[in-house]
Amino acid sequence: MSTDYIVSQVFVVISYLLLASTYLVKNRKLLLGLNVLSLFANAGGYYLLSAWSGLAMCGVALLRNVILIAQNHYDSENKNQIINWGIFVFLVAVSIVSAYFTYNGLLSLFSVFATFVYTVSIWQKNEIIYKALGIICSILWIIYNVFIWSILGFSCESVLLFVEIIGLILACVKLKKHISQKVNSSTAIDVLDYQKSVKKQEKK
């Protein structure tokens, strides 16, 4: 086992620890910042493994996150949808071009698919959709890590997949509880209104 391979796996572990933390925070700005740090570490690992498709997708993802951070600062409510979708199309185009120049067989494209799915997940702001798409993204990265023989990449992505599933379940339970509370509150208000109307009728 070469020194480059060992160091690459250290970078992989660091990147996945940072990425896993994004599924445990709610602040969008912090989420994007942690994701950027994760991508730098991941890029170092892919470089040492000569995994050029993965490295190219890290570049695309870094560009995406820098744009999203800037957008979050200047247009946090996404009021300008023309620019918003223009940027999205631009990033997809960059991904396709990068995939063309780094193509190394069908399995190398799984890094491109994973990057696209994650771009969609982080572009929108729904917590449950983000976590659900994260599960799909992880499955794609697991396949890619097997392809490039990144042992810790496969292992960490599998753990991350487990964290994402737990995170999605917790988010769904929380949403269900919130909806239930709103329904119960609405029902209680209806009952009170009904009781008031009955009392008025009795007075008449």
C-alpha atoms as a PDB file:
ATOM      1  CA  MET A   1       0.000   0.000   0.000  1.00  0.00           C
ATOM      2  CA  SER A   2       1.608   3.264  -1.169  1.00  0.00           C
ATOM      3  CA  THR A   3       2.027   6.464   0.861  1.00  0.00           C
ATOM      4  CA  ASP A   4      -0.180   8.336  -1.628  1.00  0.00           C
ATOM      5  CA  TYR A   5      -2.990   5.835  -1.083  1.00  0.00           C
ATOM      6  CA  ILE A   6      -2.756   6.079   2.731  1.00  0.00           C
ATOM      7  CA  VAL A   7      -2.774   9.903   2.639  1.00  0.00           C
ATOM      8  CA  SER A   8      -5.697   9.848   0.196  1.00  0.00           C
ATOM      9  CA  GLN A   9      -7.709   7.800   2.663  1.00  0.00           C
ATOM     10  CA  VAL A  10      -6.926  10.295   5.446  1.00  0.00           C
ATOM     11  CA  PHE A  11      -8.335  13.056   3.212  1.00  0.00           C
ATOM     12  CA  VAL A  12     -11.373  10.876   2.533  1.00  0.00           C
ATOM     13  CA  VAL A  13     -12.128  10.425   6.247  1.00  0.00           C
ATOM     14  CA  ILE A  14     -11.797  14.179   6.906  1.00  0.00           C
ATOM     15  CA  SER A  15     -14.068  15.022   3.979  1.00  0.00           C
ATOM     16  CA  TYR A  16     -16.780  12.609   5.115  1.00  0.00           C
ATOM     17  CA  LEU A  17     -16.710  13.804   8.719  1.00  0.00           C
ATOM     18  CA  LEU A  18     -17.308  17.342   7.445  1.00  0.00           C
ATOM     19  CA  LEU A  19     -19.992  16.199   5.012  1.00  0.00           C
ATOM     20  CA  ALA A  20     -21.818  14.159   7.659  1.00  0.00           C
ATOM     21  CA  SER A  21     -22.002  17.261   9.846  1.00  0.00           C
ATOM     22  CA  THR A  22     -23.996  19.080   7.122  1.00  0.00           C
ATOM     23  CA  TYR A  23     -26.903  16.716   7.762  1.00  0.00           C
ATOM     24  CA  LEU A  24     -26.988  17.722  11.425  1.00  0.00           C
ATOM     25  CA  VAL A  25     -27.097  21.519  11.026  1.00  0.00           C
ATOM     26  CA  LYS A  26     -30.015  23.736  10.019  1.00  0.00           C
ATOM     27  CA  ASN A  27     -28.202  26.987   9.211  1.00  0.00           C
ATOM     28  CA  ARG A  28     -27.886  27.134   5.392  1.00  0.00           C
ATOM     29  CA  LYS A  29     -24.756  29.329   5.456  1.00  0.00           C
ATOM     30  CA  LEU A  30     -22.965  26.951   7.846  1.00  0.00           C
ATOM     31  CA  LEU A  31     -24.109  23.979   5.758  1.00  0.00           C
ATOM     32  CA  LEU A  32     -22.552  25.462   2.618  1.00  0.00           C
ATOM     33  CA  GLY A  33     -19.330  26.385   4.438  1.00  0.00           C
ATOM     34  CA  LEU A  34     -18.858  22.874   5.825  1.00  0.00           C
ATOM     35  CA  ASN A  35     -19.558  21.453   2.393  1.00  0.00           C
ATOM     36  CA  VAL A  36     -16.808  23.607   0.850  1.00  0.00           C
ATOM     37  CA  LEU A  37     -14.248  22.361   3.395  1.00  0.00           C
ATOM     38  CA  SER A  38     -15.391  18.798   2.740  1.00  0.00           C
ATOM     39  CA  LEU A  39     -14.887  19.235  -1.002  1.00  0.00           C
ATOM     40  CA  PHE A  40     -11.308  20.518  -0.575  1.00  0.00           C
ATOM     41  CA  ALA A  41     -10.433  17.427   1.456  1.00  0.00           C
ATOM     42  CA  ASN A  42     -12.226  15.165  -1.015  1.00  0.00           C
ATOM     43  CA  ALA A  43     -10.413  16.749  -3.953  1.00  0.00           C
ATOM     44  CA  GLY A  44      -7.069  16.001  -2.294  1.00  0.00           C
ATOM     45  CA  GLY A  45      -8.068  12.359  -1.896  1.00  0.00           C
ATOM     46  CA  TYR A  46      -9.202  12.006  -5.511  1.00  0.00           C
ATOM     47  CA  TYR A  47      -6.021  13.657  -6.785  1.00  0.00           C
ATOM     48  CA  LEU A  48      -3.829  11.157  -4.939  1.00  0.00           C
ATOM     49  CA  LEU A  49      -5.967   8.305  -6.299  1.00  0.00           C
ATOM     50  CA  SER A  50      -5.791   9.715  -9.858  1.00  0.00           C
ATOM     51  CA  ALA A  51      -9.595   9.654  -9.881  1.00  0.00           C
ATOM     52  CA  TRP A  52      -9.976  12.449 -12.412  1.00  0.00           C
ATOM     53  CA  SER A  53     -13.767  12.344 -12.793  1.00  0.00           C
ATOM     54  CA  GLY A  54     -14.195  12.639  -9.032  1.00  0.00           C
ATOM     55  CA  LEU A  55     -11.628  15.448  -8.906  1.00  0.00           C
ATOM     56  CA  ALA A  56     -13.397  17.315 -11.724  1.00  0.00           C
ATOM     57  CA  MET A  57     -16.739  16.968  -9.930  1.00  0.00           C
ATOM     58  CA  CYS A  58     -15.154  18.383  -6.760  1.00  0.00           C
ATOM     59  CA  GLY A  59     -14.202  21.415  -8.856  1.00  0.00           C
ATOM     60  CA  VAL A  60     -17.758  21.727 -10.153  1.00  0.00           C
ATOM     61  CA  ALA A  61     -19.135  21.317  -6.631  1.00  0.00           C
ATOM     62  CA  LEU A  62     -16.766  23.983  -5.257  1.00  0.00           C
ATOM     63  CA  LEU A  63     -17.863  26.379  -7.999  1.00  0.00           C
ATOM     64  CA  ARG A  64     -21.486  25.548  -7.173  1.00  0.00           C
ATOM     65  CA  ASN A  65     -21.065  26.192  -3.463  1.00  0.00           C
ATOM     66  CA  VAL A  66     -19.210  29.483  -3.957  1.00  0.00           C
ATOM     67  CA  ILE A  67     -22.083  30.639  -6.177  1.00  0.00           C
ATOM     68  CA  LEU A  68     -24.666  29.438  -3.647  1.00  0.00           C
ATOM     69  CA  ILE A  69     -22.891  31.205  -0.777  1.00  0.00           C
ATOM     70  CA  ALA A  70     -22.837  34.436  -2.799  1.00  0.00           C
ATOM     71  CA  GLN A  71     -26.483  33.954  -3.767  1.00  0.00           C
ATOM     72  CA  ASN A  72     -27.428  33.257  -0.152  1.00  0.00           C
ATOM     73  CA  HIS A  73     -25.797  36.560   0.806  1.00  0.00           C
ATOM     74  CA  TYR A  74     -27.160  38.791  -1.972  1.00  0.00           C
ATOM     75  CA  ASP A  75     -30.458  37.073  -2.816  1.00  0.00           C
ATOM     76  CA  SER A  76     -31.342  34.816   0.119  1.00  0.00           C
ATOM     77  CA  GLU A  77     -35.004  34.591  -0.931  1.00  0.00           C
ATOM     78  CA  ASN A  78     -34.198  33.619  -4.558  1.00  0.00           C
ATOM     79  CA  LYS A  79     -36.316  36.460  -5.903  1.00  0.00           C
ATOM     80  CA  ASN A  80     -34.481  36.562  -9.244  1.00  0.00           C
ATOM     81  CA  GLN A  81     -35.511  33.210 -10.713  1.00  0.00           C
ATOM     82  CA  ILE A  82     -33.997  33.939 -14.149  1.00  0.00           C
ATOM     83  CA  ILE A  83     -30.500  34.257 -12.660  1.00  0.00           C
ATOM     84  CA  ASN A  84     -31.215  31.355 -10.315  1.00  0.00           C
ATOM     85  CA  TRP A  85     -32.077  28.912 -13.116  1.00  0.00           C
ATOM     86  CA  GLY A  86     -29.379  30.386 -15.357  1.00  0.00           C
ATOM     87  CA  ILE A  87     -26.743  29.467 -12.787  1.00  0.00           C
ATOM     88  CA  PHE A  88     -28.226  25.985 -12.407  1.00  0.00           C
ATOM     89  CA  VAL A  89     -28.092  25.350 -16.182  1.00  0.00           C
ATOM     90  CA  PHE A  90     -24.516  26.715 -16.266  1.00  0.00           C
ATOM     91  CA  LEU A  91     -23.401  24.273 -13.557  1.00  0.00           C
ATOM     92  CA  VAL A  92     -25.039  21.336 -15.348  1.00  0.00           C
ATOM     93  CA  ALA A  93     -23.228  22.355 -18.561  1.00  0.00           C
ATOM     94  CA  VAL A  94     -19.887  22.564 -16.728  1.00  0.00           C
ATOM     95  CA  SER A  95     -20.525  19.088 -15.268  1.00  0.00           C
ATOM     96  CA  ILE A  96     -21.195  17.628 -18.717  1.00  0.00           C
ATOM     97  CA  VAL A  97     -18.049  19.202 -20.204  1.00  0.00           C
ATOM     98  CA  SER A  98     -15.955  18.002 -17.256  1.00  0.00           C
ATOM     99  CA  ALA A  99     -17.401  14.499 -17.595  1.00  0.00           C
ATOM    100  CA  TYR A 100     -16.492  14.444 -21.295  1.00  0.00           C
ATOM    101  CA  PHE A 101     -12.824  15.279 -20.680  1.00  0.00           C
ATOM    102  CA  THR A 102     -12.411  12.926 -17.693  1.00  0.00           C
ATOM    103  CA  TYR A 103     -14.484   9.998 -18.965  1.00  0.00           C
ATOM    104  CA  ASN A 104     -12.975   6.667 -17.983  1.00  0.00           C
ATOM    105  CA  GLY A 105     -15.780   4.181 -18.535  1.00  0.00           C
ATOM    106  CA  LEU A 106     -19.442   4.089 -17.573  1.00  0.00           C
ATOM    107  CA  LEU A 107     -18.771   3.807 -13.830  1.00  0.00           C
ATOM    108  CA  SER A 108     -16.752   7.043 -13.859  1.00  0.00           C
ATOM    109  CA  LEU A 109     -20.014   8.837 -14.719  1.00  0.00           C
ATOM    110  CA  PHE A 110     -21.493   7.922 -11.343  1.00  0.00           C
ATOM    111  CA  SER A 111     -19.514  10.798  -9.822  1.00  0.00           C
ATOM    112  CA  VAL A 112     -21.221  13.104 -12.351  1.00  0.00           C
ATOM    113  CA  PHE A 113     -24.675  11.715 -11.527  1.00  0.00           C
ATOM    114  CA  ALA A 114     -23.979  12.080  -7.793  1.00  0.00           C
ATOM    115  CA  THR A 115     -22.833  15.688  -8.229  1.00  0.00           C
ATOM    116  CA  PHE A 116     -25.956  16.519 -10.233  1.00  0.00           C
ATOM    117  CA  VAL A 117     -28.270  14.973  -7.617  1.00  0.00           C
ATOM    118  CA  TYR A 118     -26.520  16.801  -4.797  1.00  0.00           C
ATOM    119  CA  THR A 119     -26.662  20.072  -6.754  1.00  0.00           C
ATOM    120  CA  VAL A 120     -30.444  19.672  -7.015  1.00  0.00           C
ATOM    121  CA  SER A 121     -30.710  18.799  -3.307  1.00  0.00           C
ATOM    122  CA  ILE A 122     -28.688  21.775  -2.107  1.00  0.00           C
ATOM    123  CA  TRP A 123     -30.267  24.174  -4.639  1.00  0.00           C
ATOM    124  CA  GLN A 124     -33.688  23.864  -3.105  1.00  0.00           C
ATOM    125  CA  LYS A 125     -34.389  24.660   0.565  1.00  0.00           C
ATOM    126  CA  ASN A 126     -36.674  21.867   1.721  1.00  0.00           C
ATOM    127  CA  GLU A 127     -34.971  19.898   4.510  1.00  0.00           C
ATOM    128  CA  ILE A 128     -36.731  16.600   3.768  1.00  0.00           C
ATOM    129  CA  ILE A 129     -36.007  16.745   0.018  1.00  0.00           C
ATOM    130  CA  TYR A 130     -32.354  17.561   0.807  1.00  0.00           C
ATOM    131  CA  LYS A 131     -32.018  14.486   3.014  1.00  0.00           C
ATOM    132  CA  ALA A 132     -33.951  12.190   0.648  1.00  0.00           C
ATOM    133  CA  LEU A 133     -31.795  13.159  -2.341  1.00  0.00           C
ATOM    134  CA  GLY A 134     -28.725  12.773  -0.123  1.00  0.00           C
ATOM    135  CA  ILE A 135     -29.558   9.066   0.165  1.00  0.00           C
ATOM    136  CA  ILE A 136     -29.610   8.681  -3.639  1.00  0.00           C
ATOM    137  CA  CYS A 137     -26.389  10.685  -3.860  1.00  0.00           C
ATOM    138  CA  SER A 138     -24.657   8.387  -1.366  1.00  0.00           C
ATOM    139  CA  ILE A 139     -25.632   5.258  -3.292  1.00  0.00           C
ATOM    140  CA  LEU A 140     -24.072   6.757  -6.430  1.00  0.00           C
ATOM    141  CA  TRP A 141     -20.866   7.704  -4.572  1.00  0.00           C
ATOM    142  CA  ILE A 142     -20.624   4.207  -3.068  1.00  0.00           C
ATOM    143  CA  ILE A 143     -20.593   2.754  -6.586  1.00  0.00           C
ATOM    144  CA  TYR A 144     -17.950   5.288  -7.689  1.00  0.00           C
ATOM    145  CA  ASN A 145     -15.742   4.573  -4.657  1.00  0.00           C
ATOM    146  CA  VAL A 146     -15.853   0.866  -5.440  1.00  0.00           C
ATOM    147  CA  PHE A 147     -14.839   1.725  -9.019  1.00  0.00           C
ATOM    148  CA  ILE A 148     -11.737   3.697  -7.905  1.00  0.00           C
ATOM    149  CA  TRP A 149     -10.912   1.204  -5.094  1.00  0.00           C
ATOM    150  CA  SER A 150     -11.230   3.736  -2.282  1.00  0.00           C
ATOM    151  CA  ILE A 151     -11.774   1.456   0.715  1.00  0.00           C
ATOM    152  CA  LEU A 152     -12.440   4.207   3.253  1.00  0.00           C
ATOM    153  CA  GLY A 153     -14.412   6.157   0.673  1.00  0.00           C
ATOM    154  CA  PHE A 154     -16.774   3.192   0.338  1.00  0.00           C
ATOM    155  CA  SER A 155     -16.870   2.648   4.118  1.00  0.00           C
ATOM    156  CA  CYS A 156     -17.443   6.310   5.041  1.00  0.00           C
ATOM    157  CA  GLU A 157     -20.092   6.751   2.351  1.00  0.00           C
ATOM    158  CA  SER A 158     -21.900   3.701   3.713  1.00  0.00           C
ATOM    159  CA  VAL A 159     -21.857   5.220   7.213  1.00  0.00           C
ATOM    160  CA  LEU A 160     -23.019   8.546   5.774  1.00  0.00           C
ATOM    161  CA  LEU A 161     -25.851   6.729   4.027  1.00  0.00           C
ATOM    162  CA  PHE A 162     -26.939   5.342   7.405  1.00  0.00           C
ATOM    163  CA  VAL A 163     -26.765   8.846   8.971  1.00  0.00           C
ATOM    164  CA  GLU A 164     -28.826  10.259   6.091  1.00  0.00           C
ATOM    165  CA  ILE A 165     -31.505   7.594   6.486  1.00  0.00           C
ATOM    166  CA  ILE A 166     -31.728   8.301  10.242  1.00  0.00           C
ATOM    167  CA  GLY A 167     -31.791  12.053   9.547  1.00  0.00           C
ATOM    168  CA  LEU A 168     -34.614  11.625   7.018  1.00  0.00           C
ATOM    169  CA  ILE A 169     -36.640   9.468   9.422  1.00  0.00           C
ATOM    170  CA  LEU A 170     -36.229  12.034  12.226  1.00  0.00           C
ATOM    171  CA  ALA A 171     -37.188  14.893   9.894  1.00  0.00           C
ATOM    172  CA  CYS A 172     -40.319  13.012   8.753  1.00  0.00           C
ATOM    173  CA  VAL A 173     -41.306  12.218  12.358  1.00  0.00           C
ATOM    174  CA  LYS A 174     -40.827  15.874  13.286  1.00  0.00           C
ATOM    175  CA  LEU A 175     -42.917  17.006  10.302  1.00  0.00           C
ATOM    176  CA  LYS A 176     -45.657  14.494  11.120  1.00  0.00           C
ATOM    177  CA  LYS A 177     -45.732  15.694  14.740  1.00  0.00           C
ATOM    178  CA  HIS A 178     -45.906  19.330  13.582  1.00  0.00           C
ATOM    179  CA  ILE A 179     -48.794  18.563  11.221  1.00  0.00           C
ATOM    180  CA  SER A 180     -50.578  16.582  13.961  1.00  0.00           C
ATOM    181  CA  GLN A 181     -50.233  19.507  16.388  1.00  0.00           C
ATOM    182  CA  LYS A 182     -51.651  21.918  13.812  1.00  0.00           C
ATOM    183  CA  VAL A 183     -54.587  19.586  13.117  1.00  0.00           C
ATOM    184  CA  ASN A 184     -55.281  19.130  16.840  1.00  0.00           C
ATOM    185  CA  SER A 185     -55.044  22.882  17.382  1.00  0.00           C
ATOM    186  CA  SER A 186     -57.422  23.525  14.499  1.00  0.00           C
ATOM    187  CA  THR A 187     -59.855  20.898  15.835  1.00  0.00           C
ATOM    188  CA  ALA A 188     -59.750  22.434  19.316  1.00  0.00           C
ATOM    189  CA  ILE A 189     -60.573  25.853  17.865  1.00  0.00           C
ATOM    190  CA  ASP A 190     -63.501  24.347  15.912  1.00  0.00           C
ATOM    191  CA  VAL A 191     -64.835  22.707  19.099  1.00  0.00           C
ATOM    192  CA  LEU A 192     -64.619  25.989  21.006  1.00  0.00           C
ATOM    193  CA  ASP A 193     -66.403  27.812  18.197  1.00  0.00           C
ATOM    194  CA  TYR A 194     -69.110  25.148  18.219  1.00  0.00           C
ATOM    195  CA  GLN A 195     -69.551  25.402  21.999  1.00  0.00           C
ATOM    196  CA  LYS A 196     -69.825  29.175  21.765  1.00  0.00           C
ATOM    197  CA  SER A 197     -72.448  28.916  19.035  1.00  0.00           C
ATOM    198  CA  VAL A 198     -74.458  26.414  21.141  1.00  0.00           C
ATOM    199  CA  LYS A 199     -74.389  28.747  24.131  1.00  0.00           C
ATOM    200  CA  LYS A 200     -75.593  31.620  21.974  1.00  0.00           C
ATOM    201  CA  GLN A 201     -78.447  29.459  20.701  1.00  0.00           C
ATOM    202  CA  GLU A 202     -79.381  28.496  24.301  1.00  0.00           C
ATOM    203  CA  LYS A 203     -79.481  32.168  25.350  1.00  0.00           C
ATOM    204  CA  LYS A 204     -81.879  32.928  22.516  1.00  0.00           C
END
